[in-house]
């Protein structure tokens, strides 16, 4: 069988993304055929700054735009280039010119300063495909799907509504049809039966409705958030739904930071990503860890 063809969107070139990709190229290219969404000028500039030779077998798919890379600096030009690289890669996948896309980290403020309307990759994918993409992060030992992602904490409680939750659960079921999934409550003690908040009533009702529609007890909860990720709980469940970003990602990154990946579910293409940011503080210093990227490649291959 021929190896799958995977496009790499290069992320913010002022960060660690391209360093990781080039360092891991030889290992990863044994698993798949790689296509980097970048042009020759930017690739050469980055390789010189990194003092890493450009691999002889490298394949690029041209993305227009030239600017001076400034390691660790916030730049609208770099933000715009990372967006163009991403959309170029997504389009290749949509047009069946590639089997999956793996994205390197972008800087959300750089996107904002560049005038890009989206808060991140997943937000852009929703608009591009007009689908309710779901962000799930983790590794084989633990995965966390986020009900809300880059939402201010004060804006989360009004979103905890039966119909919206039910739609989320049904969409998650489409991607994980047989997986038992533990759902966290929003409030301390999962609300203590309404004493500390009534959002759990909405969560409980949506779980019941989802399980009835699916035909088995797939979703369990709502679990008390402060004990949901204890060793005992993680023996029972490997997949969780968190109501907001830090509720799920703080324990995940505390436990499995280096090895976790980001997977976009409920889309017509396969997209995975590293589970870390641009790491401006170590950009172009040769210190970036490649494990999350390698796992993102392996996850993409498994989903094709």
Protein backbone atom coordinates (compact mmCIF):
# COMPACT_ATOMS: atom_id res chain seq x y z
CA UNK A 1 0.00 0.00 0.00
CA UNK A 2 1.17 3.52 -0.76
CA UNK A 3 1.89 5.84 2.14
CA UNK A 4 -0.76 8.46 3.00
CA UNK A 5 -0.18 12.01 1.83
CA UNK A 6 -0.28 14.53 4.67
CA UNK A 7 -0.02 18.29 4.34
CA UNK A 8 1.68 20.36 7.02
CA UNK A 9 0.53 23.91 7.65
CA UNK A 10 3.65 25.55 9.04
CA UNK A 11 2.09 27.68 11.77
CA UNK A 12 3.58 30.94 12.98
CA UNK A 13 7.07 31.05 11.50
CA UNK A 14 8.30 33.19 14.39
CA UNK A 15 7.62 30.22 16.67
CA UNK A 16 8.78 26.61 17.00
CA UNK A 17 6.56 24.91 14.42
CA UNK A 18 8.90 24.64 11.47
CA UNK A 19 11.82 23.69 13.71
CA UNK A 20 9.79 20.74 15.00
CA UNK A 21 8.72 19.69 11.51
CA UNK A 22 12.24 19.81 10.07
CA UNK A 23 13.79 18.01 13.04
CA UNK A 24 11.24 15.21 12.77
CA UNK A 25 11.15 15.03 8.97
CA UNK A 26 13.29 11.94 8.50
CA UNK A 27 11.39 9.95 11.13
CA UNK A 28 7.93 11.04 10.02
CA UNK A 29 8.57 10.63 6.28
CA UNK A 30 8.94 6.89 6.90
CA UNK A 31 5.26 6.86 7.85
CA UNK A 32 3.77 9.15 5.20
CA UNK A 33 4.45 11.47 2.29
CA UNK A 34 4.72 15.02 3.58
CA UNK A 35 3.76 18.23 1.79
CA UNK A 36 4.73 21.50 3.48
CA UNK A 37 2.53 24.55 2.82
CA UNK A 38 5.29 27.12 2.42
CA UNK A 39 7.37 28.75 -0.30
CA UNK A 40 11.06 28.23 -0.99
CA UNK A 41 12.13 31.66 0.27
CA UNK A 42 10.51 31.27 3.70
CA UNK A 43 11.70 27.67 4.01
CA UNK A 44 15.29 28.64 3.21
CA UNK A 45 15.19 31.59 5.61
CA UNK A 46 13.92 29.43 8.46
CA UNK A 47 16.39 26.61 7.79
CA UNK A 48 19.30 29.06 7.86
CA UNK A 49 18.16 30.57 11.16
CA UNK A 50 17.79 27.07 12.59
CA UNK A 51 21.05 25.83 11.06
CA UNK A 52 19.12 22.79 9.82
CA UNK A 53 19.60 21.52 6.28
CA UNK A 54 16.50 21.36 4.12
CA UNK A 55 15.78 17.66 3.50
CA UNK A 56 16.60 16.52 -0.02
CA UNK A 57 13.22 14.80 -0.43
CA UNK A 58 11.11 17.71 0.81
CA UNK A 59 7.95 18.59 -1.12
CA UNK A 60 6.36 22.00 -0.79
CA UNK A 61 3.07 23.42 -2.00
CA UNK A 62 3.56 27.12 -2.70
CA UNK A 63 2.05 29.68 -0.31
CA UNK A 64 2.64 33.26 -1.40
CA UNK A 65 4.09 35.95 0.84
CA UNK A 66 7.58 36.91 2.04
CA UNK A 67 8.62 38.57 5.30
CA UNK A 68 11.58 38.57 7.65
CA UNK A 69 11.33 35.93 10.34
CA UNK A 70 11.94 37.39 13.81
CA UNK A 71 12.27 34.62 16.34
CA UNK A 72 9.85 34.92 19.24
CA UNK A 73 8.19 38.14 18.07
CA UNK A 74 4.49 38.79 17.62
CA UNK A 75 3.92 39.76 14.01
CA UNK A 76 0.78 40.36 11.92
CA UNK A 77 2.72 39.28 8.82
CA UNK A 78 3.66 35.98 10.42
CA UNK A 79 0.09 35.56 11.66
CA UNK A 80 -1.29 36.15 8.19
CA UNK A 81 1.17 33.70 6.64
CA UNK A 82 0.22 31.01 9.15
CA UNK A 83 -3.44 31.49 8.22
CA UNK A 84 -2.71 31.31 4.49
CA UNK A 85 -0.64 28.15 4.99
CA UNK A 86 -3.51 26.59 6.96
CA UNK A 87 -6.24 27.44 4.45
CA UNK A 88 -4.02 26.25 1.59
CA UNK A 89 -3.58 22.88 3.32
CA UNK A 90 -7.29 22.55 4.12
CA UNK A 91 -8.12 23.25 0.48
CA UNK A 92 -5.73 20.52 -0.66
CA UNK A 93 -7.54 18.08 1.62
CA UNK A 94 -10.98 19.25 0.51
CA UNK A 95 -9.96 18.74 -3.13
CA UNK A 96 -8.70 15.21 -2.37
CA UNK A 97 -5.09 16.19 -3.13
CA UNK A 98 -4.07 15.07 0.36
CA UNK A 99 -5.39 12.59 2.92
CA UNK A 100 -5.07 14.74 6.05
CA UNK A 101 -3.68 17.99 7.44
CA UNK A 102 -1.46 18.36 10.48
CA UNK A 103 -1.24 21.91 11.79
CA UNK A 104 1.65 23.54 13.59
CA UNK A 105 0.87 26.15 16.28
CA UNK A 106 -0.43 29.61 15.45
CA UNK A 107 -0.54 32.72 17.62
CA UNK A 108 -4.11 33.91 18.12
CA UNK A 109 -3.11 37.51 18.81
CA UNK A 110 -1.08 37.56 15.59
CA UNK A 111 -4.20 36.39 13.73
CA UNK A 112 -6.21 39.15 15.37
CA UNK A 113 -3.64 41.81 14.51
CA UNK A 114 -3.61 40.54 10.93
CA UNK A 115 -7.36 41.13 10.76
CA UNK A 116 -8.28 37.45 10.69
CA UNK A 117 -11.75 36.96 12.16
CA UNK A 118 -11.22 33.51 13.67
CA UNK A 119 -9.96 32.66 17.15
CA UNK A 120 -8.09 29.58 15.98
CA UNK A 121 -7.94 26.60 13.64
CA UNK A 122 -11.14 24.93 14.85
CA UNK A 123 -13.14 28.13 14.61
CA UNK A 124 -11.93 28.63 11.02
CA UNK A 125 -12.75 25.02 10.11
CA UNK A 126 -16.34 25.48 11.31
CA UNK A 127 -16.83 28.40 8.95
CA UNK A 128 -14.94 26.80 6.06
CA UNK A 129 -17.02 23.61 6.09
CA UNK A 130 -20.18 24.98 7.76
CA UNK A 131 -19.93 22.13 10.28
CA UNK A 132 -19.94 21.97 14.08
CA UNK A 133 -16.32 20.93 14.49
CA UNK A 134 -15.43 19.54 17.92
CA UNK A 135 -12.03 20.09 19.53
CA UNK A 136 -10.68 17.00 21.29
CA UNK A 137 -7.23 16.85 22.84
CA UNK A 138 -5.30 14.05 24.45
CA UNK A 139 -3.39 10.84 23.95
CA UNK A 140 -4.14 7.13 24.19
CA UNK A 141 -4.38 7.34 27.98
CA UNK A 142 -6.84 10.24 28.14
CA UNK A 143 -8.86 12.38 25.70
CA UNK A 144 -10.84 15.51 26.52
CA UNK A 145 -13.48 16.97 24.17
CA UNK A 146 -14.34 20.61 24.82
CA UNK A 147 -17.97 21.72 24.87
CA UNK A 148 -16.82 25.35 24.79
CA UNK A 149 -13.32 26.26 23.63
CA UNK A 150 -11.95 29.78 23.49
CA UNK A 151 -14.87 31.28 25.37
CA UNK A 152 -14.49 33.73 28.24
CA UNK A 153 -15.41 31.99 31.49
CA UNK A 154 -18.20 34.49 32.25
CA UNK A 155 -19.84 33.54 28.95
CA UNK A 156 -19.86 29.78 29.55
CA UNK A 157 -22.88 29.33 31.91
CA UNK A 158 -25.44 30.81 29.47
CA UNK A 159 -24.29 28.23 26.88
CA UNK A 160 -25.10 25.26 29.13
CA UNK A 161 -28.51 24.54 27.60
CA UNK A 162 -30.23 21.23 26.84
CA UNK A 163 -30.65 21.59 23.07
CA UNK A 164 -27.14 22.88 22.46
CA UNK A 165 -25.62 20.17 24.66
CA UNK A 166 -27.72 17.48 22.98
CA UNK A 167 -26.51 18.55 19.54
CA UNK A 168 -22.90 18.45 20.79
CA UNK A 169 -23.33 14.94 22.24
CA UNK A 170 -24.93 13.60 19.05
CA UNK A 171 -22.13 15.06 16.93
CA UNK A 172 -19.53 13.56 19.26
CA UNK A 173 -21.24 10.20 18.96
CA UNK A 174 -20.80 10.32 15.17
CA UNK A 175 -17.01 10.46 15.63
CA UNK A 176 -16.84 8.15 18.67
CA UNK A 177 -19.83 5.83 18.20
CA UNK A 178 -18.87 3.12 20.67
CA UNK A 179 -16.80 4.98 23.26
CA UNK A 180 -18.04 5.47 26.83
CA UNK A 181 -17.67 9.19 27.60
CA UNK A 182 -17.71 10.88 31.02
CA UNK A 183 -19.26 14.35 31.11
CA UNK A 184 -18.13 16.90 33.69
CA UNK A 185 -20.45 19.23 35.55
CA UNK A 186 -19.85 22.96 35.43
CA UNK A 187 -20.00 23.90 39.11
CA UNK A 188 -18.16 22.73 42.24
CA UNK A 189 -19.60 19.40 43.45
CA UNK A 190 -21.50 19.27 40.12
CA UNK A 191 -23.92 21.79 41.62
CA UNK A 192 -24.89 19.75 44.71
CA UNK A 193 -28.42 19.23 43.36
CA UNK A 194 -28.89 22.92 42.62
CA UNK A 195 -27.31 24.32 45.78
CA UNK A 196 -24.23 25.60 43.91
CA UNK A 197 -25.82 26.21 40.51
CA UNK A 198 -28.47 24.69 38.29
CA UNK A 199 -26.52 24.17 35.04
CA UNK A 200 -26.15 20.49 35.89
CA UNK A 201 -29.91 20.06 35.43
CA UNK A 202 -29.43 21.00 31.77
CA UNK A 203 -26.43 18.68 31.46
CA UNK A 204 -28.28 15.76 33.07
CA UNK A 205 -31.29 16.24 30.82
CA UNK A 206 -29.13 16.44 27.68
CA UNK A 207 -27.20 13.30 28.63
CA UNK A 208 -30.48 11.41 29.11
CA UNK A 209 -31.83 12.62 25.76
CA UNK A 210 -28.59 11.79 23.93
CA UNK A 211 -28.40 8.28 25.34
CA UNK A 212 -32.02 7.64 24.39
CA UNK A 213 -31.38 8.78 20.82
CA UNK A 214 -28.15 6.79 20.54
CA UNK A 215 -29.68 3.65 22.05
CA UNK A 216 -27.21 2.96 24.85
CA UNK A 217 -25.68 4.69 27.86
CA UNK A 218 -22.73 6.29 26.09
CA UNK A 219 -22.57 9.53 28.10
CA UNK A 220 -22.11 9.31 31.87
CA UNK A 221 -22.50 12.19 34.30
CA UNK A 222 -22.38 14.92 35.17
CA UNK A 223 -19.24 14.06 37.13
CA UNK A 224 -17.94 16.22 39.97
CA UNK A 225 -15.15 18.15 38.21
CA UNK A 226 -12.53 18.07 40.97
CA UNK A 227 -12.50 14.26 41.12
CA UNK A 228 -13.19 13.47 37.46
CA UNK A 229 -9.49 13.06 36.61
CA UNK A 230 -8.30 11.15 39.67
CA UNK A 231 -6.45 7.87 39.01
CA UNK A 232 -9.56 5.94 40.05
CA UNK A 233 -11.76 7.82 37.56
CA UNK A 234 -9.22 7.43 34.76
CA UNK A 235 -9.30 3.66 35.25
CA UNK A 236 -13.01 3.79 34.40
CA UNK A 237 -12.92 6.34 31.58
CA UNK A 238 -10.44 7.44 28.92
CA UNK A 239 -12.72 9.99 27.21
CA UNK A 240 -14.19 13.07 28.88
CA UNK A 241 -16.25 16.12 27.96
CA UNK A 242 -15.26 19.34 29.71
CA UNK A 243 -17.63 22.29 29.85
CA UNK A 244 -14.87 24.85 29.31
CA UNK A 245 -11.26 25.09 28.15
CA UNK A 246 -9.22 25.09 31.36
CA UNK A 247 -11.50 22.60 33.13
CA UNK A 248 -10.37 19.90 30.72
CA UNK A 249 -6.98 21.03 29.51
CA UNK A 250 -5.38 21.86 32.87
CA UNK A 251 -5.43 18.22 34.07
CA UNK A 252 -4.64 16.90 30.58
CA UNK A 253 -1.54 19.05 30.19
CA UNK A 254 -0.43 18.42 33.76
CA UNK A 255 -0.47 14.70 33.04
CA UNK A 256 0.38 14.33 29.36
CA UNK A 257 1.67 17.65 28.02
CA UNK A 258 4.46 16.41 25.76
CA UNK A 259 2.56 13.55 24.13
CA UNK A 260 -0.94 14.94 23.63
CA UNK A 261 -2.40 15.98 20.28
CA UNK A 262 -5.34 18.08 19.10
CA UNK A 263 -7.94 16.36 16.89
CA UNK A 264 -10.81 18.06 15.07
CA UNK A 265 -13.92 15.86 15.01
CA UNK A 266 -17.16 16.03 13.00
CA UNK A 267 -15.49 17.33 9.81
CA UNK A 268 -15.25 15.97 6.24
CA UNK A 269 -11.42 16.01 6.45
CA UNK A 270 -8.89 14.64 8.92
CA UNK A 271 -7.12 17.34 10.89
CA UNK A 272 -4.77 16.87 13.83
CA UNK A 273 -2.35 19.24 15.51
CA UNK A 274 0.29 19.56 18.15
CA UNK A 275 -1.09 20.24 21.61
CA UNK A 276 1.04 23.29 22.40
CA UNK A 277 1.58 26.86 21.35
CA UNK A 278 4.23 28.74 19.41
CA UNK A 279 6.67 28.74 22.38
CA UNK A 280 8.15 32.09 21.37
CA UNK A 281 10.53 31.92 24.35
CA UNK A 282 12.47 29.00 22.81
CA UNK A 283 11.92 29.71 19.11
CA UNK A 284 14.99 29.01 16.93
CA UNK A 285 17.02 27.83 19.92
CA UNK A 286 16.92 24.13 19.02
CA UNK A 287 15.02 23.21 22.18
CA UNK A 288 11.57 22.31 20.81
CA UNK A 289 10.18 18.84 21.58
CA UNK A 290 8.93 16.82 18.60
CA UNK A 291 6.82 14.20 20.44
CA UNK A 292 3.43 15.91 20.14
CA UNK A 293 4.03 16.49 16.42
CA UNK A 294 5.02 12.89 15.78
CA UNK A 295 1.94 11.73 17.68
CA UNK A 296 -0.22 14.14 15.66
CA UNK A 297 1.09 12.55 12.45
CA UNK A 298 0.41 9.05 13.78
CA UNK A 299 -3.09 10.09 14.91
CA UNK A 300 -3.85 11.54 11.46
CA UNK A 301 -2.74 8.32 9.78
CA UNK A 302 -4.94 6.26 12.11
CA UNK A 303 -7.98 8.39 11.23
CA UNK A 304 -7.59 8.30 7.45
